[in-house]
Amino acid sequence: MSPTGPQRTEAPLAALSCLLFNALVWGVSWWPFRQLNAMGLHSLWATGFAFALSTVLVSLWRPSAWPALLQRPRLLWMVVAAGITNAAFNWGVMIGEVVRVVLLFYLMPVWSLLLARWLLREPITGAALARIALAIGGAAIVLWQPGAGMSLPVSLADWLGIVGGASFALVNVLVRRHRDDPDEARALAMFVGGFVVATAMAASLASLGTIDGPPAPAWPWIGGNVALAAALLAGNFALQYGAARLPAAVTAIVMLSEVPFAALSSVGFGGETLAARTIVGGLLILGATLLASLQAGAAPEPAQARPSGDPQ
């Protein structure tokens, strides 16, 4: 999602509803991606097509965004990071255990702290180290497999969740680093990234025979992809409305509702089960994220949300 401007405090109920809607969109996004994959359209193609449509619509709505973006080549890193975020997350939830991927994505506080130290020269405090320990401990519990020894990612989906979260953390740090750039330039960078990176990855993997190319044009998958693009775009606009009217810490905390949305939908519609270790580890990871959100609320910089149209 794109960064927000100055915050206002009117209409809190409407703002909260918009944030919950955005979290719902991303919490259940695994389902349309799996449905499209069943029709022969890999999530990378689906992501690229969805963000291509969103980019066109945003360009028509804010044509001044293109000159603003092209005049700032430093935003290229935001294009890449936002694109990797969406490509990795969407691919991960398509092929892996939804809650597991989402929780590994939410290791963001670890990456955010390290990246902020590197790029923004922010100090690492004792409280920050405690949050890192909490998040890593939670991840170790989630990843632990009986008889497997060390708690390490064991599947492509695990790695995609981790990479997606690290890329999202980079987006947030870059937003803060380039906070003086126009909002529309940063927002367009994120949409363009979702299109370019996912499509480039899909084309490369298809040329290697790793994934299939897009299927022959057919109304079911075309209509489904358009509907998905509309949902992601609506979620993005809902985030912009809600985050502009609520404190940053409140926004970040409400966005954590993506996890229960993902859990309930994956159990109810995906036939998944929640292991005890996933619940315990997830609570530790979310605890670290919650503490980071509260800390962000005490700082002058507003918390950022997922580039996308997430994810969040």
Protein backbone atom coordinates (compact mmCIF):
# COMPACT_ATOMS: atom_id res chain seq x y z
CA MET A 1 0.00 0.00 0.00
CA SER A 2 1.05 3.50 -0.44
CA PRO A 3 2.06 6.00 2.19
CA THR A 4 -0.39 8.31 3.78
CA GLY A 5 -0.45 12.04 4.31
CA PRO A 6 -1.25 14.05 7.43
CA GLN A 7 -3.58 12.26 9.80
CA ARG A 8 -7.04 13.47 10.72
CA THR A 9 -9.27 12.17 13.46
CA GLU A 10 -12.81 12.50 12.15
CA ALA A 11 -15.08 9.53 11.37
CA PRO A 12 -13.18 6.95 13.45
CA LEU A 13 -15.77 4.22 12.86
CA ALA A 14 -15.60 4.62 9.09
CA ALA A 15 -11.81 4.74 9.25
CA LEU A 16 -11.64 1.56 11.33
CA SER A 17 -14.05 -0.15 8.94
CA CYS A 18 -11.83 0.77 6.01
CA LEU A 19 -8.74 -0.62 7.71
CA LEU A 20 -10.56 -3.84 8.56
CA PHE A 21 -11.72 -4.12 4.95
CA ASN A 22 -8.14 -3.81 3.73
CA ALA A 23 -7.00 -6.46 6.22
CA LEU A 24 -9.84 -8.71 5.08
CA VAL A 25 -8.84 -8.32 1.42
CA TRP A 26 -5.29 -9.43 2.14
CA GLY A 27 -6.27 -12.04 4.71
CA VAL A 28 -8.41 -13.92 2.19
CA SER A 29 -6.37 -13.08 -0.93
CA TRP A 30 -4.95 -16.60 -0.94
CA TRP A 31 -8.32 -17.94 -2.13
CA PRO A 32 -8.63 -16.04 -5.45
CA PHE A 33 -4.96 -16.71 -6.20
CA ARG A 34 -5.54 -20.44 -5.74
CA GLN A 35 -8.70 -20.33 -7.83
CA LEU A 36 -6.86 -18.56 -10.64
CA ASN A 37 -4.01 -21.07 -10.36
CA ALA A 38 -6.54 -23.88 -10.76
CA MET A 39 -7.54 -22.21 -14.04
CA GLY A 40 -3.91 -22.28 -15.18
CA LEU A 41 -2.90 -18.75 -14.16
CA HIS A 42 0.06 -18.73 -11.76
CA SER A 43 -0.01 -16.15 -8.98
CA LEU A 44 2.94 -14.30 -10.53
CA TRP A 45 0.98 -13.74 -13.74
CA ALA A 46 -2.14 -12.90 -11.75
CA THR A 47 -0.22 -10.39 -9.63
CA GLY A 48 1.38 -8.79 -12.68
CA PHE A 49 -1.93 -8.48 -14.53
CA ALA A 50 -3.75 -7.14 -11.45
CA PHE A 51 -1.15 -4.46 -10.82
CA ALA A 52 -0.96 -3.59 -14.51
CA LEU A 53 -4.67 -2.78 -14.43
CA SER A 54 -4.27 -0.87 -11.17
CA THR A 55 -1.35 1.09 -12.63
CA VAL A 56 -3.44 2.10 -15.64
CA LEU A 57 -6.35 3.22 -13.46
CA VAL A 58 -4.12 5.18 -11.09
CA SER A 59 -2.33 6.77 -14.07
CA LEU A 60 -5.65 7.94 -15.49
CA TRP A 61 -6.72 9.26 -12.10
CA ARG A 62 -3.41 10.96 -11.26
CA PRO A 63 -1.52 11.58 -14.54
CA SER A 64 0.90 13.89 -12.72
CA ALA A 65 2.23 10.87 -10.82
CA TRP A 66 4.34 9.71 -13.78
CA PRO A 67 6.43 12.88 -14.13
CA ALA A 68 6.85 12.94 -10.35
CA LEU A 69 8.12 9.34 -10.38
CA LEU A 70 10.37 9.63 -13.44
CA GLN A 71 12.06 12.72 -12.02
CA ARG A 72 13.12 10.71 -8.95
CA PRO A 73 15.23 7.71 -10.01
CA ARG A 74 16.00 7.05 -6.34
CA LEU A 75 12.47 5.61 -6.09
CA LEU A 76 13.57 2.71 -8.30
CA TRP A 77 14.50 0.81 -5.14
CA MET A 78 10.95 1.27 -3.90
CA VAL A 79 9.65 -0.12 -7.20
CA VAL A 80 11.80 -3.23 -6.77
CA ALA A 81 11.07 -3.72 -3.06
CA ALA A 82 7.32 -3.26 -3.46
CA GLY A 83 7.29 -5.63 -6.40
CA ILE A 84 9.16 -8.35 -4.52
CA THR A 85 6.82 -7.92 -1.55
CA ASN A 86 3.70 -8.61 -3.57
CA ALA A 87 5.19 -11.30 -5.81
CA ALA A 88 6.63 -13.24 -2.87
CA PHE A 89 3.61 -12.95 -0.57
CA ASN A 90 1.06 -13.87 -3.24
CA TRP A 91 3.11 -16.81 -4.48
CA GLY A 92 3.69 -18.00 -0.93
CA VAL A 93 0.03 -18.06 0.12
CA MET A 94 -0.86 -19.78 -3.16
CA ILE A 95 1.40 -22.78 -2.55
CA GLY A 96 1.95 -22.93 1.21
CA GLU A 97 0.13 -23.07 4.52
CA VAL A 98 -1.60 -19.71 4.61
CA VAL A 99 -1.18 -18.88 8.31
CA ARG A 100 2.43 -20.06 8.33
CA VAL A 101 3.32 -17.82 5.37
CA VAL A 102 1.47 -14.83 6.83
CA LEU A 103 3.19 -15.22 10.20
CA LEU A 104 6.64 -15.46 8.61
CA PHE A 105 5.76 -12.36 6.61
CA TYR A 106 5.07 -10.61 9.92
CA LEU A 107 8.69 -11.01 11.01
CA MET A 108 8.92 -7.46 9.65
CA PRO A 109 10.05 -5.89 12.98
CA VAL A 110 13.31 -7.81 12.72
CA TRP A 111 14.09 -6.60 9.21
CA SER A 112 12.76 -3.09 9.84
CA LEU A 113 15.11 -2.60 12.78
CA LEU A 114 18.17 -3.79 10.88
CA LEU A 115 17.32 -1.83 7.73
CA ALA A 116 16.53 1.33 9.68
CA ARG A 117 19.92 1.03 11.37
CA TRP A 118 21.65 0.62 8.01
CA LEU A 119 19.76 3.17 5.90
CA LEU A 120 18.49 5.68 8.47
CA ARG A 121 21.21 5.35 11.12
CA GLU A 122 18.58 4.75 13.78
CA PRO A 123 19.91 3.36 17.07
CA ILE A 124 19.15 -0.18 18.19
CA THR A 125 17.80 -0.03 21.73
CA GLY A 126 17.45 -2.72 24.34
CA ALA A 127 13.69 -2.76 23.81
CA ALA A 128 14.25 -3.26 20.08
CA LEU A 129 16.55 -6.21 20.74
CA ALA A 130 13.88 -7.71 22.99
CA ARG A 131 11.34 -7.43 20.16
CA ILE A 132 13.76 -9.15 17.80
CA ALA A 133 14.28 -11.98 20.28
CA LEU A 134 10.52 -12.32 20.69
CA ALA A 135 9.92 -12.45 16.93
CA ILE A 136 12.77 -14.87 16.23
CA GLY A 137 11.64 -17.09 19.09
CA GLY A 138 8.15 -17.16 17.63
CA ALA A 139 9.50 -17.98 14.17
CA ALA A 140 11.58 -20.83 15.60
CA ILE A 141 8.46 -22.32 17.17
CA VAL A 142 6.44 -21.94 13.95
CA LEU A 143 9.21 -23.51 11.85
CA TRP A 144 10.05 -26.31 14.26
CA GLN A 145 9.39 -29.80 12.92
CA PRO A 146 9.56 -32.85 15.22
CA GLY A 147 12.72 -34.81 14.49
CA ALA A 148 14.03 -32.25 12.03
CA GLY A 149 16.58 -30.64 14.32
CA MET A 150 17.06 -26.90 13.84
CA SER A 151 14.10 -24.61 13.17
CA LEU A 152 14.75 -23.48 9.60
CA PRO A 153 12.51 -22.75 6.61
CA VAL A 154 11.74 -26.06 4.94
CA SER A 155 9.80 -25.05 1.85
CA LEU A 156 9.65 -22.48 -0.91
CA ALA A 157 6.52 -21.04 0.70
CA ASP A 158 8.41 -20.45 3.96
CA TRP A 159 11.14 -18.55 2.15
CA LEU A 160 8.62 -16.55 0.15
CA GLY A 161 6.91 -15.44 3.35
CA ILE A 162 10.23 -14.36 4.87
CA VAL A 163 11.43 -12.60 1.71
CA GLY A 164 8.08 -10.85 1.32
CA GLY A 165 8.22 -9.54 4.88
CA ALA A 166 11.82 -8.38 4.52
CA SER A 167 10.96 -6.57 1.28
CA PHE A 168 7.96 -4.94 2.91
CA ALA A 169 10.19 -3.74 5.75
CA LEU A 170 12.51 -2.22 3.14
CA VAL A 171 9.56 -0.44 1.53
CA ASN A 172 8.60 1.10 4.86
CA VAL A 173 12.16 2.26 5.54
CA LEU A 174 12.42 3.73 2.04
CA VAL A 175 9.12 5.55 2.50
CA ARG A 176 10.55 7.19 5.60
CA ARG A 177 13.83 7.94 3.86
CA HIS A 178 12.02 9.60 0.95
CA ARG A 179 9.20 11.12 2.97
CA ASP A 180 9.66 14.50 1.25
CA ASP A 181 8.86 13.03 -2.17
CA PRO A 182 5.26 13.41 -3.41
CA ASP A 183 2.85 10.79 -2.12
CA GLU A 184 1.60 10.12 -5.65
CA ALA A 185 5.13 9.31 -6.86
CA ARG A 186 5.68 6.80 -4.07
CA ALA A 187 2.24 5.26 -4.58
CA LEU A 188 2.78 4.84 -8.32
CA ALA A 189 6.20 3.31 -7.65
CA MET A 190 4.53 0.61 -5.58
CA PHE A 191 1.89 -0.18 -8.21
CA VAL A 192 4.46 -0.23 -11.01
CA GLY A 193 6.66 -2.49 -8.90
CA GLY A 194 3.83 -4.97 -8.40
CA PHE A 195 3.37 -5.13 -12.17
CA VAL A 196 6.98 -5.10 -13.39
CA VAL A 197 8.59 -7.44 -10.86
CA ALA A 198 5.85 -10.08 -10.87
CA THR A 199 5.60 -10.08 -14.67
CA ALA A 200 9.38 -10.24 -15.10
CA MET A 201 9.63 -13.12 -12.62
CA ALA A 202 6.76 -14.95 -14.33
CA ALA A 203 8.28 -14.52 -17.79
CA SER A 204 11.71 -15.66 -16.59
CA LEU A 205 10.39 -18.75 -14.81
CA ALA A 206 8.11 -19.60 -17.73
CA SER A 207 11.06 -19.42 -20.14
CA LEU A 208 12.88 -21.91 -17.91
CA GLY A 209 9.87 -24.21 -17.78
CA THR A 210 9.47 -23.74 -14.02
CA ILE A 211 5.94 -22.37 -14.34
CA ASP A 212 3.48 -22.32 -17.21
CA GLY A 213 2.82 -19.27 -19.31
CA PRO A 214 -0.57 -17.59 -19.08
CA PRO A 215 -3.41 -19.73 -20.43
CA ALA A 216 -5.35 -18.93 -23.56
CA PRO A 217 -7.73 -16.00 -23.05
CA ALA A 218 -10.93 -17.14 -21.35
CA TRP A 219 -13.58 -15.17 -19.53
CA PRO A 220 -13.39 -17.09 -16.22
CA TRP A 221 -9.76 -16.28 -15.45
CA ILE A 222 -9.84 -12.84 -17.08
CA GLY A 223 -12.93 -11.89 -15.09
CA GLY A 224 -11.44 -13.36 -11.93
CA ASN A 225 -8.21 -11.43 -12.39
CA VAL A 226 -10.09 -8.18 -13.00
CA ALA A 227 -12.16 -8.78 -9.86
CA LEU A 228 -8.97 -9.46 -7.90
CA ALA A 229 -7.41 -6.25 -9.20
CA ALA A 230 -10.52 -4.32 -8.20
CA ALA A 231 -10.43 -5.81 -4.70
CA LEU A 232 -6.75 -4.97 -4.21
CA LEU A 233 -7.26 -1.43 -5.48
CA ALA A 234 -10.32 -0.96 -3.26
CA GLY A 235 -8.30 -2.25 -0.32
CA ASN A 236 -5.56 0.26 -1.07
CA PHE A 237 -8.00 3.18 -1.20
CA ALA A 238 -9.64 1.96 2.00
CA LEU A 239 -6.24 1.93 3.68
CA GLN A 240 -5.51 5.46 2.51
CA TYR A 241 -8.81 6.71 3.93
CA GLY A 242 -8.46 4.89 7.24
CA ALA A 243 -4.77 5.52 7.87
CA ALA A 244 -5.16 9.24 7.17
CA ARG A 245 -7.75 9.54 9.94
CA LEU A 246 -6.33 7.41 12.74
CA PRO A 247 -3.08 7.44 14.73
CA ALA A 248 -0.32 5.42 13.08
CA ALA A 249 -0.11 2.97 15.99
CA VAL A 250 -3.85 2.28 15.77
CA THR A 251 -3.54 1.67 12.04
CA ALA A 252 -0.68 -0.79 12.50
CA ILE A 253 -2.51 -2.66 15.25
CA VAL A 254 -5.79 -2.91 13.32
CA MET A 255 -3.90 -4.23 10.31
CA LEU A 256 -2.83 -7.23 12.41
CA SER A 257 -6.41 -8.45 11.97
CA GLU A 258 -5.15 -9.81 8.65
CA VAL A 259 -3.79 -12.79 10.59
CA PRO A 260 -7.11 -13.97 12.10
CA PHE A 261 -8.81 -13.31 8.76
CA ALA A 262 -6.22 -15.55 7.10
CA ALA A 263 -6.50 -18.18 9.83
CA LEU A 264 -10.29 -18.38 9.81
CA SER A 265 -10.57 -18.42 6.02
CA SER A 266 -7.82 -21.01 5.53
CA VAL A 267 -9.37 -23.32 8.12
CA GLY A 268 -12.93 -22.76 6.94
CA PHE A 269 -12.38 -22.80 3.18
CA GLY A 270 -8.92 -24.24 2.68
CA GLY A 271 -9.15 -27.27 4.94
CA GLU A 272 -6.04 -26.27 6.88
CA THR A 273 -5.48 -26.99 10.56
CA LEU A 274 -3.73 -24.82 13.13
CA ALA A 275 -1.06 -26.69 15.06
CA ALA A 276 -0.45 -25.66 18.66
CA ARG A 277 3.09 -24.55 17.82
CA THR A 278 1.76 -22.31 15.04
CA ILE A 279 -0.60 -20.62 17.48
CA VAL A 280 2.06 -20.16 20.18
CA GLY A 281 4.75 -19.01 17.76
CA GLY A 282 2.27 -16.76 16.01
CA LEU A 283 1.34 -15.05 19.26
CA LEU A 284 5.02 -14.29 19.91
CA ILE A 285 5.54 -12.89 16.40
CA LEU A 286 2.39 -10.77 16.63
CA GLY A 287 3.44 -9.65 20.10
CA ALA A 288 6.71 -8.33 18.67
CA THR A 289 4.81 -6.60 15.86
CA LEU A 290 2.36 -5.09 18.34
CA LEU A 291 5.18 -3.74 20.50
CA ALA A 292 6.86 -2.27 17.41
CA SER A 293 3.56 -0.64 16.43
CA LEU A 294 3.16 0.93 19.86
CA GLN A 295 6.72 2.21 19.70
CA ALA A 296 6.04 3.67 16.25
CA GLY A 297 3.00 5.43 17.65
CA ALA A 298 5.22 7.22 20.16
CA ALA A 299 7.58 8.42 17.42
CA PRO A 300 7.03 11.38 15.11
CA GLU A 301 7.14 9.28 11.95
CA PRO A 302 3.86 7.67 10.85
CA ALA A 303 3.80 3.91 10.47
CA GLN A 304 3.46 2.68 6.91
CA ALA A 305 1.29 -0.04 5.50
CA ARG A 306 1.81 -2.75 2.93
CA PRO A 307 2.59 -1.67 -0.61
CA SER A 308 0.02 -2.93 -2.92
CA GLY A 309 -2.55 -2.36 -3.42
CA ASP A 310 -1.76 -6.14 1.42
CA PRO A 311 0.19 -6.47 1.06
CA GLN A 312 -0.29 -4.33 4.46
